């Protein structure tokens, strides 16, 4: 597993990270033992970056329970502003509040669930543009940083919110959607890198919308476009999910790409794909040409 430097943080992170959204929907108990095996397999396979959120139900709890004794082996990023709390009746209630007053207890809760005294990166989780421009959330993040609870501060967002974060210049990292089927954010990523921000990629394999038969309805167009960019005519015998991941790893502006799963088989497939290295330049160029052709008017 190769490592890259996460922008101005100086943190060394594996180019393949682990996204902990999916594991959050497995409740504690006997069934969660598979999550423990999965997380330890990720670290054993060389993954040193794990990303979670206060909104991912039991995700942080699983990480604390199964990796607490290996905390020194990985960089941990989580998110705040959007969080879920389980009620006495078992129902989960999601709340959105990006104020400094709301963020402080969220960070404390994350630390408690993780069983640690520090978080490497705390990120605002998909705030609105108004929250970013007029709220005091960034003050809450900085206060936690001054208290030693977090090391670096970041943002997880796309579009106008991400652009505004780059202009503000106060975030150490940016988590953004970027993949072989959504290449437009390249200019935004370049601008963020120019500011020294570390780049974390979410949805790196485009949620594998191209796997399986052609869907009906709205998904059909996206599926057909994916067959063109990630089709056998371009990829030859490389599976499309592997090609999408290796395409991303060929992008020099990317520091780490987080892929989530609850399947040991899928995790091992991702580790194997990364071991094979970035896609050949000729193949990535062909994918780019096909993508550009599909974006052209008409």
Protein backbone atom coordinates (compact mmCIF):
# COMPACT_ATOMS: atom_id res chain seq x y z
CA UNK A 1 0.00 0.00 0.00
CA UNK A 2 1.43 3.36 -1.04
CA UNK A 3 1.10 6.45 1.18
CA UNK A 4 0.58 10.08 0.28
CA UNK A 5 0.93 13.31 2.26
CA UNK A 6 -2.44 14.80 3.19
CA UNK A 7 -1.81 18.38 2.18
CA UNK A 8 -0.48 20.83 4.71
CA UNK A 9 -1.40 18.52 7.62
CA UNK A 10 1.74 16.53 6.82
CA UNK A 11 -0.13 13.35 7.80
CA UNK A 12 0.88 10.25 5.88
CA UNK A 13 -2.22 8.37 4.71
CA UNK A 14 -2.77 5.30 2.59
CA UNK A 15 -4.01 6.10 -0.91
CA UNK A 16 -6.92 3.72 -0.26
CA UNK A 17 -8.89 4.76 2.81
CA UNK A 18 -11.82 3.10 4.53
CA UNK A 19 -15.21 4.85 4.55
CA UNK A 20 -17.13 3.81 7.66
CA UNK A 21 -20.65 4.76 6.59
CA UNK A 22 -21.87 1.26 5.77
CA UNK A 23 -20.62 -0.40 8.94
CA UNK A 24 -22.66 2.07 11.00
CA UNK A 25 -25.89 0.30 10.13
CA UNK A 26 -24.83 -2.95 11.83
CA UNK A 27 -25.92 -2.84 15.50
CA UNK A 28 -23.64 -3.97 18.32
CA UNK A 29 -23.86 -7.66 19.19
CA UNK A 30 -22.84 -10.96 17.71
CA UNK A 31 -23.45 -9.80 14.12
CA UNK A 32 -20.98 -6.95 14.62
CA UNK A 33 -18.10 -9.40 15.06
CA UNK A 34 -17.81 -9.46 11.26
CA UNK A 35 -17.27 -5.68 11.40
CA UNK A 36 -14.38 -6.26 13.78
CA UNK A 37 -12.77 -8.70 11.39
CA UNK A 38 -13.32 -6.29 8.52
CA UNK A 39 -11.73 -3.31 10.28
CA UNK A 40 -8.71 -5.29 11.43
CA UNK A 41 -8.30 -6.74 7.95
CA UNK A 42 -8.28 -3.19 6.56
CA UNK A 43 -5.41 -2.20 8.86
CA UNK A 44 -3.57 -5.45 8.21
CA UNK A 45 -3.89 -4.74 4.47
CA UNK A 46 -2.13 -1.39 4.82
CA UNK A 47 -5.08 1.02 5.11
CA UNK A 48 -4.08 3.82 7.48
CA UNK A 49 -6.96 6.28 6.95
CA UNK A 50 -10.49 5.77 8.30
CA UNK A 51 -13.34 8.25 7.84
CA UNK A 52 -16.57 8.27 9.83
CA UNK A 53 -19.21 10.71 11.12
CA UNK A 54 -21.41 11.38 14.12
CA UNK A 55 -24.28 10.75 11.69
CA UNK A 56 -23.29 7.14 10.92
CA UNK A 57 -25.18 5.48 13.78
CA UNK A 58 -22.87 2.87 15.40
CA UNK A 59 -19.87 3.54 13.13
CA UNK A 60 -17.67 5.36 15.66
CA UNK A 61 -18.61 2.86 18.35
CA UNK A 62 -17.48 -0.05 16.18
CA UNK A 63 -14.18 1.65 15.39
CA UNK A 64 -13.53 2.34 19.06
CA UNK A 65 -14.46 -1.18 20.11
CA UNK A 66 -12.55 -3.12 17.46
CA UNK A 67 -9.61 -0.82 16.74
CA UNK A 68 -9.14 0.94 20.06
CA UNK A 69 -6.00 -1.04 20.82
CA UNK A 70 -4.59 -0.11 17.39
CA UNK A 71 -5.36 3.62 17.54
CA UNK A 72 -1.74 4.55 16.83
CA UNK A 73 -1.84 2.65 13.50
CA UNK A 74 -4.32 4.86 11.62
CA UNK A 75 -5.32 8.45 10.94
CA UNK A 76 -8.93 8.97 12.01
CA UNK A 77 -11.28 11.55 10.52
CA UNK A 78 -14.86 12.09 11.58
CA UNK A 79 -17.55 14.73 11.02
CA UNK A 80 -19.90 16.95 12.97
CA UNK A 81 -22.83 19.28 12.36
CA UNK A 82 -24.99 16.40 11.16
CA UNK A 83 -25.47 13.67 13.75
CA UNK A 84 -27.81 10.86 14.77
CA UNK A 85 -28.81 9.88 18.31
CA UNK A 86 -30.74 6.74 19.20
CA UNK A 87 -33.85 7.37 21.29
CA UNK A 88 -35.08 5.16 24.17
CA UNK A 89 -37.61 3.55 21.80
CA UNK A 90 -34.78 2.56 19.43
CA UNK A 91 -35.53 5.17 16.78
CA UNK A 92 -32.63 7.20 15.38
CA UNK A 93 -33.16 10.95 15.11
CA UNK A 94 -30.93 13.04 12.84
CA UNK A 95 -30.18 16.65 13.71
CA UNK A 96 -28.47 19.36 11.65
CA UNK A 97 -26.81 22.11 13.66
CA UNK A 98 -23.48 23.62 12.63
CA UNK A 99 -23.17 26.13 15.46
CA UNK A 100 -20.18 26.13 17.77
CA UNK A 101 -22.47 25.42 20.73
CA UNK A 102 -23.80 22.27 19.07
CA UNK A 103 -20.44 21.08 17.75
CA UNK A 104 -18.68 20.99 21.12
CA UNK A 105 -20.79 18.17 22.64
CA UNK A 106 -20.72 16.28 19.34
CA UNK A 107 -16.94 16.18 19.42
CA UNK A 108 -16.98 15.04 23.06
CA UNK A 109 -19.47 12.31 22.16
CA UNK A 110 -17.27 11.12 19.30
CA UNK A 111 -14.24 11.00 21.58
CA UNK A 112 -16.21 8.99 24.12
CA UNK A 113 -17.50 6.51 21.55
CA UNK A 114 -14.03 6.08 20.10
CA UNK A 115 -12.41 5.69 23.51
CA UNK A 116 -9.66 8.15 22.57
CA UNK A 117 -8.54 11.60 23.66
CA UNK A 118 -7.95 13.06 20.21
CA UNK A 119 -9.34 13.06 16.67
CA UNK A 120 -6.91 13.59 13.81
CA UNK A 121 -9.34 15.48 11.54
CA UNK A 122 -12.76 16.89 12.42
CA UNK A 123 -14.87 17.94 9.43
CA UNK A 124 -18.06 19.96 9.06
CA UNK A 125 -20.48 17.48 7.48
CA UNK A 126 -22.27 18.92 4.42
CA UNK A 127 -23.21 22.37 5.76
CA UNK A 128 -25.22 24.78 3.67
CA UNK A 129 -23.57 27.82 2.10
CA UNK A 130 -25.38 30.00 4.63
CA UNK A 131 -24.01 27.91 7.51
CA UNK A 132 -20.52 28.37 6.17
CA UNK A 133 -20.80 32.08 5.45
CA UNK A 134 -22.75 33.24 8.50
CA UNK A 135 -22.40 30.52 11.15
CA UNK A 136 -19.76 30.12 13.84
CA UNK A 137 -19.06 26.43 13.23
CA UNK A 138 -15.46 27.01 12.20
CA UNK A 139 -14.93 28.77 15.54
CA UNK A 140 -16.16 25.63 17.28
CA UNK A 141 -13.71 23.51 15.32
CA UNK A 142 -10.82 25.84 16.13
CA UNK A 143 -11.76 25.86 19.81
CA UNK A 144 -11.64 22.06 19.90
CA UNK A 145 -8.27 22.25 18.15
CA UNK A 146 -6.94 24.69 20.75
CA UNK A 147 -8.14 22.33 23.49
CA UNK A 148 -6.16 19.46 21.93
CA UNK A 149 -9.26 17.41 21.12
CA UNK A 150 -8.64 17.56 17.37
CA UNK A 151 -5.46 18.03 15.36
CA UNK A 152 -6.80 19.45 12.06
CA UNK A 153 -10.07 20.82 10.73
CA UNK A 154 -11.76 20.06 7.44
CA UNK A 155 -14.95 20.14 5.42
CA UNK A 156 -16.96 17.50 3.59
CA UNK A 157 -18.97 19.17 0.84
CA UNK A 158 -19.40 19.65 -2.91
CA UNK A 159 -20.21 22.45 -5.34
CA UNK A 160 -20.58 26.04 -4.16
CA UNK A 161 -19.97 25.14 -0.51
CA UNK A 162 -16.65 23.50 -1.37
CA UNK A 163 -15.63 26.45 -3.52
CA UNK A 164 -16.41 28.83 -0.66
CA UNK A 165 -14.33 26.72 1.72
CA UNK A 166 -11.37 27.02 -0.64
CA UNK A 167 -11.81 30.79 -0.81
CA UNK A 168 -11.98 31.04 2.99
CA UNK A 169 -8.61 29.32 3.36
CA UNK A 170 -9.28 28.15 6.92
CA UNK A 171 -9.74 24.41 6.37
CA UNK A 172 -6.88 21.93 6.33
CA UNK A 173 -8.69 19.27 4.30
CA UNK A 174 -11.51 18.95 1.78
CA UNK A 175 -13.59 15.82 1.29
CA UNK A 176 -15.28 15.92 -2.12
CA UNK A 177 -17.05 13.73 -4.66
CA UNK A 178 -14.83 12.87 -7.62
CA UNK A 179 -14.68 9.78 -9.80
CA UNK A 180 -14.39 8.55 -13.38
CA UNK A 181 -18.07 9.41 -13.98
CA UNK A 182 -17.97 12.79 -12.19
CA UNK A 183 -14.81 14.50 -13.35
CA UNK A 184 -15.95 18.15 -13.24
CA UNK A 185 -14.59 18.78 -9.70
CA UNK A 186 -11.02 18.51 -11.01
CA UNK A 187 -10.70 22.32 -11.22
CA UNK A 188 -12.02 22.72 -7.67
CA UNK A 189 -9.61 20.07 -6.40
CA UNK A 190 -6.71 21.85 -8.11
CA UNK A 191 -7.70 25.13 -6.44
CA UNK A 192 -7.89 23.41 -3.05
CA UNK A 193 -4.49 21.82 -3.53
CA UNK A 194 -3.06 25.21 -4.45
CA UNK A 195 -4.19 26.36 -0.98
CA UNK A 196 -2.38 23.41 0.60
CA UNK A 197 -5.56 21.53 1.49
CA UNK A 198 -5.44 17.75 1.78
CA UNK A 199 -7.82 16.04 -0.65
CA UNK A 200 -10.07 13.18 0.51
CA UNK A 201 -12.26 11.63 -2.17
CA UNK A 202 -15.72 10.30 -1.36
CA UNK A 203 -17.82 8.17 -3.74
CA UNK A 204 -14.62 7.16 -5.56
CA UNK A 205 -16.17 4.30 -7.55
CA UNK A 206 -19.42 6.21 -8.26
CA UNK A 207 -21.38 3.84 -6.01
CA UNK A 208 -20.83 1.16 -8.69
CA UNK A 209 -23.98 2.28 -10.52
CA UNK A 210 -22.63 0.55 -13.62
CA UNK A 211 -22.66 -2.95 -12.13
CA UNK A 212 -25.57 -5.21 -12.99
CA UNK A 213 -28.30 -4.96 -15.64
CA UNK A 214 -29.59 -1.72 -17.11
CA UNK A 215 -32.04 -0.14 -14.64
CA UNK A 216 -35.36 1.36 -15.59
CA UNK A 217 -36.25 5.01 -15.21
CA UNK A 218 -33.85 7.82 -14.26
CA UNK A 219 -30.90 5.53 -13.63
CA UNK A 220 -30.79 4.28 -17.21
CA UNK A 221 -28.93 7.27 -18.65
CA UNK A 222 -26.22 7.18 -15.96
CA UNK A 223 -25.85 3.44 -16.48
CA UNK A 224 -25.44 3.83 -20.25
CA UNK A 225 -22.83 6.57 -19.82
CA UNK A 226 -20.95 4.36 -17.40
CA UNK A 227 -20.91 1.53 -19.90
CA UNK A 228 -19.19 3.87 -22.37
CA UNK A 229 -16.52 5.22 -19.99
CA UNK A 230 -15.98 1.93 -18.15
CA UNK A 231 -16.83 -0.46 -20.94
CA UNK A 232 -14.84 -3.44 -22.15
CA UNK A 233 -13.89 -1.59 -25.37
CA UNK A 234 -11.69 0.69 -23.25
CA UNK A 235 -10.87 -1.44 -20.25
CA UNK A 236 -10.35 -4.80 -21.89
CA UNK A 237 -10.59 -7.42 -19.16
CA UNK A 238 -10.27 -5.09 -16.15
CA UNK A 239 -13.45 -5.13 -14.01
CA UNK A 240 -15.14 -1.70 -14.01
CA UNK A 241 -15.05 -1.20 -10.22
CA UNK A 242 -11.32 -1.92 -10.21
CA UNK A 243 -10.80 0.37 -13.20
CA UNK A 244 -12.72 3.21 -11.53
CA UNK A 245 -10.57 2.92 -8.41
CA UNK A 246 -7.30 2.65 -10.29
CA UNK A 247 -8.31 5.59 -12.52
CA UNK A 248 -8.69 7.70 -9.39
CA UNK A 249 -5.34 6.61 -8.01
CA UNK A 250 -3.74 7.81 -11.24
CA UNK A 251 -4.85 11.39 -10.44
CA UNK A 252 -1.92 13.25 -8.84
CA UNK A 253 -4.18 15.72 -7.01
CA UNK A 254 -5.82 12.95 -4.93
CA UNK A 255 -4.39 12.11 -1.50
CA UNK A 256 -6.72 9.33 -0.39
CA UNK A 257 -9.96 7.75 -1.62
CA UNK A 258 -12.38 6.29 0.92
CA UNK A 259 -14.28 3.16 -0.07
CA UNK A 260 -16.81 1.63 2.28
CA UNK A 261 -18.05 -1.94 2.53
CA UNK A 262 -19.27 -4.53 5.01
CA UNK A 263 -17.90 -7.37 2.86
CA UNK A 264 -14.48 -8.92 3.43
CA UNK A 265 -14.55 -10.11 -0.17
CA UNK A 266 -15.07 -6.58 -1.50
CA UNK A 267 -12.40 -5.19 0.83
CA UNK A 268 -9.86 -7.75 -0.39
CA UNK A 269 -10.79 -6.97 -4.01
CA UNK A 270 -10.15 -3.28 -3.38
CA UNK A 271 -6.81 -4.02 -1.73
CA UNK A 272 -5.82 -6.21 -4.67
CA UNK A 273 -6.83 -3.49 -7.15
CA UNK A 274 -4.68 -0.90 -5.39
CA UNK A 275 -1.75 -3.29 -5.33
CA UNK A 276 -1.92 -3.43 -9.13
CA UNK A 277 -1.31 0.30 -9.22
CA UNK A 278 -2.86 3.16 -11.23
CA UNK A 279 -4.42 2.45 -14.62
CA UNK A 280 -2.06 2.79 -17.57
CA UNK A 281 -1.83 6.30 -19.00
CA UNK A 282 -3.24 5.18 -22.35
CA UNK A 283 -6.33 3.74 -20.68
CA UNK A 284 -6.98 6.77 -18.46
CA UNK A 285 -6.58 9.00 -21.53
CA UNK A 286 -9.14 6.90 -23.43
CA UNK A 287 -11.54 7.12 -20.47
CA UNK A 288 -11.10 10.90 -20.38
CA UNK A 289 -11.77 11.23 -24.11
CA UNK A 290 -14.95 9.18 -23.84
CA UNK A 291 -16.10 11.19 -20.84
CA UNK A 292 -15.47 14.46 -22.69
CA UNK A 293 -17.36 13.20 -25.73
CA UNK A 294 -20.38 12.34 -23.58
CA UNK A 295 -20.38 15.81 -21.98
CA UNK A 296 -20.44 17.59 -25.33
CA UNK A 297 -23.74 19.30 -26.27
CA UNK A 298 -26.02 17.03 -28.27
